[in-house]
C-alpha atoms as a PDB file:
ATOM      1  CA  MET A   1     217.538-152.705  22.738  1.00  0.00           C
ATOM      2  CA  GLU A   2     214.252-150.829  21.085  1.00  0.00           C
ATOM      3  CA  THR A   3     215.023-147.832  19.505  1.00  0.00           C
ATOM      4  CA  VAL A   4     212.550-145.031  20.027  1.00  0.00           C
ATOM      5  CA  THR A   5     211.395-141.293  20.143  1.00  0.00           C
ATOM      6  CA  MET A   6     211.141-139.455  23.451  1.00  0.00           C
ATOM      7  CA  ILE A   7     211.975-136.856  25.482  1.00  0.00           C
ATOM      8  CA  VAL A   8     215.230-136.603  26.687  1.00  0.00           C
ATOM      9  CA  LEU A   9     217.383-134.400  28.880  1.00  0.00           C
ATOM     10  CA  VAL A  10     220.924-133.995  27.108  1.00  0.00           C
ATOM     11  CA  LEU A  11     224.019-132.319  28.779  1.00  0.00           C
ATOM     12  CA  TYR A  12     226.170-130.109  25.748  1.00  0.00           C
ATOM     13  CA  LEU A  13     229.879-130.142  26.812  1.00  0.00           C
ATOM     14  CA  THR A  14     231.757-127.815  23.318  1.00  0.00           C
ATOM     15  CA  GLY A  15     228.833-128.389  21.827  1.00  0.00           C
ATOM     16  CA  SER A  16     228.965-132.559  21.877  1.00  0.00           C
ATOM     17  CA  PRO A  17     226.576-134.306  23.682  1.00  0.00           C
ATOM     18  CA  ILE A  18     228.270-135.859  27.343  1.00  0.00           C
ATOM     19  CA  GLU A  19     225.278-137.186  28.614  1.00  0.00           C
ATOM     20  CA  PHE A  20     221.241-137.477  28.980  1.00  0.00           C
ATOM     21  CA  MET A  21     218.486-138.858  31.025  1.00  0.00           C
ATOM     22  CA  GLY A  22     214.116-140.350  29.545  1.00  0.00           C
ATOM     23  CA  HIS A  23     213.824-141.474  32.969  1.00  0.00           C
ATOM     24  CA  HIS A  24     212.884-140.208  36.200  1.00  0.00           C
ATOM     25  CA  GLU A  25     211.624-141.541  39.684  1.00  0.00           C
ATOM     26  CA  THR A  26     208.357-140.253  40.539  1.00  0.00           C
ATOM     27  CA  ALA A  27     205.344-141.128  43.373  1.00  0.00           C
ATOM     28  CA  ASN A  28     204.402-143.941  40.696  1.00  0.00           C
ATOM     29  CA  GLY A  29     207.496-145.708  39.548  1.00  0.00           C
ATOM     30  CA  TRP A  30     210.066-144.613  37.359  1.00  0.00           C
ATOM     31  CA  GLU A  31     208.407-143.071  33.902  1.00  0.00           C
ATOM     32  CA  ARG A  32     209.744-141.851  30.418  1.00  0.00           C
ATOM     33  CA  MET A  33     210.038-138.292  31.528  1.00  0.00           C
ATOM     34  CA  GLY A  34     207.823-136.830  28.536  1.00  0.00           C
ATOM     35  CA  ILE A  35     208.139-133.045  28.328  1.00  0.00           C
ATOM     36  CA  ALA A  36     206.768-131.541  31.686  1.00  0.00           C
ATOM     37  CA  GLY A  37     209.099-134.283  33.663  1.00  0.00           C
ATOM     38  CA  CYS A  38     212.381-131.761  31.221  1.00  0.00           C
ATOM     39  CA  LEU A  39     211.609-129.208  32.048  1.00  0.00           C
ATOM     40  CA  THR A  40     211.080-129.453  35.541  1.00  0.00           C
ATOM     41  CA  MET A  41     214.726-131.008  35.691  1.00  0.00           C
ATOM     42  CA  LYS A  42     216.424-128.387  33.849  1.00  0.00           C
ATOM     43  CA  ARG A  43     214.349-126.417  36.646  1.00  0.00           C
ATOM     44  CA  THR A  44     215.814-128.622  38.561  1.00  0.00           C
ATOM     45  CA  LEU A  45     219.095-128.055  37.670  1.00  0.00           C
ATOM     46  CA  ARG A  46     219.550-124.642  37.351  1.00  0.00           C
ATOM     47  CA  ARG A  47     218.453-124.042  41.211  1.00  0.00           C
ATOM     48  CA  ASN A  48     220.646-126.399  41.936  1.00  0.00           C
ATOM     49  CA  GLY A  49     223.563-124.097  40.663  1.00  0.00           C
ATOM     50  CA  PHE A  50     224.509-125.644  37.059  1.00  0.00           C
ATOM     51  CA  LYS A  51     224.649-122.331  35.359  1.00  0.00           C
ATOM     52  CA  SER A  52     225.255-122.257  30.595  1.00  0.00           C
ATOM     53  CA  ASN A  53     228.467-120.727  30.255  1.00  0.00           C
ATOM     54  CA  ALA A  54     228.737-117.412  28.560  1.00  0.00           C
ATOM     55  CA  ALA A  55     229.859-118.793  25.342  1.00  0.00           C
ATOM     56  CA  GLY A  56     227.525-121.664  25.188  1.00  0.00           C
ATOM     57  CA  THR A  57     229.226-125.005  25.267  1.00  0.00           C
ATOM     58  CA  THR A  58     227.882-125.968  28.393  1.00  0.00           C
ATOM     59  CA  ARG A  59     223.672-126.488  28.728  1.00  0.00           C
ATOM     60  CA  TYR A  60     221.252-128.357  29.098  1.00  0.00           C
ATOM     61  CA  SER A  61     218.485-128.812  26.959  1.00  0.00           C
ATOM     62  CA  CYS A  62     215.187-130.494  26.151  1.00  0.00           C
ATOM     63  CA  GLU A  63     214.841-132.852  23.369  1.00  0.00           C
ATOM     64  CA  SER A  64     212.564-134.903  21.151  1.00  0.00           C
ATOM     65  CA  ARG A  65     215.550-137.932  20.154  1.00  0.00           C
ATOM     66  CA  LYS A  66     215.247-141.298  18.881  1.00  0.00           C
ATOM     67  CA  VAL A  67     217.296-143.269  21.052  1.00  0.00           C
ATOM     68  CA  LYS A  68     218.086-147.134  22.029  1.00  0.00           C
ATOM     69  CA  VAL A  69     216.164-148.238  25.614  1.00  0.00           C
ATOM     70  CA  GLY A  70     216.961-151.126  27.558  1.00  0.00           C
ATOM     71  CA  PRO A  71     217.550-152.444  30.917  1.00  0.00           C
ATOM     72  CA  ASN A  72     219.542-151.456  33.269  1.00  0.00           C
ATOM     73  CA  TYR A  73     221.213-153.321  36.203  1.00  0.00           C
ATOM     74  CA  GLU A  74     218.043-153.406  38.531  1.00  0.00           C
ATOM     75  CA  GLY A  75     216.218-153.628  34.945  1.00  0.00           C
ATOM     76  CA  LYS A  76     214.434-150.784  34.720  1.00  0.00           C
ATOM     77  CA  GLU A  77     214.010-148.834  31.152  1.00  0.00           C
ATOM     78  CA  ILE A  78     217.067-146.707  30.130  1.00  0.00           C
ATOM     79  CA  VAL A  79     218.129-144.285  27.960  1.00  0.00           C
ATOM     80  CA  LYS A  80     221.010-146.088  26.758  1.00  0.00           C
ATOM     81  CA  GLU A  81     222.157-144.517  23.628  1.00  0.00           C
ATOM     82  CA  LEU A  82     221.034-141.402  21.904  1.00  0.00           C
ATOM     83  CA  LEU A  83     220.789-142.090  17.403  1.00  0.00           C
END
């Protein structure tokens, strides 16, 4: 696995990251998200019903993080771990 710094969309629950993604499928194939893609995905989630709660314990955040990337079961690069 390789360690890189990239933009990831992170779901926090009570202050701890529980889910994350750094890649998405586009017309050009499987690509790293970047800030524009991350904000688009966050906006799509909001439009489809996700709401951050008033206490701030559940929220999505676009962040530049050090991560470990590696192949998934299809051989595509995905974020395996947040560092």
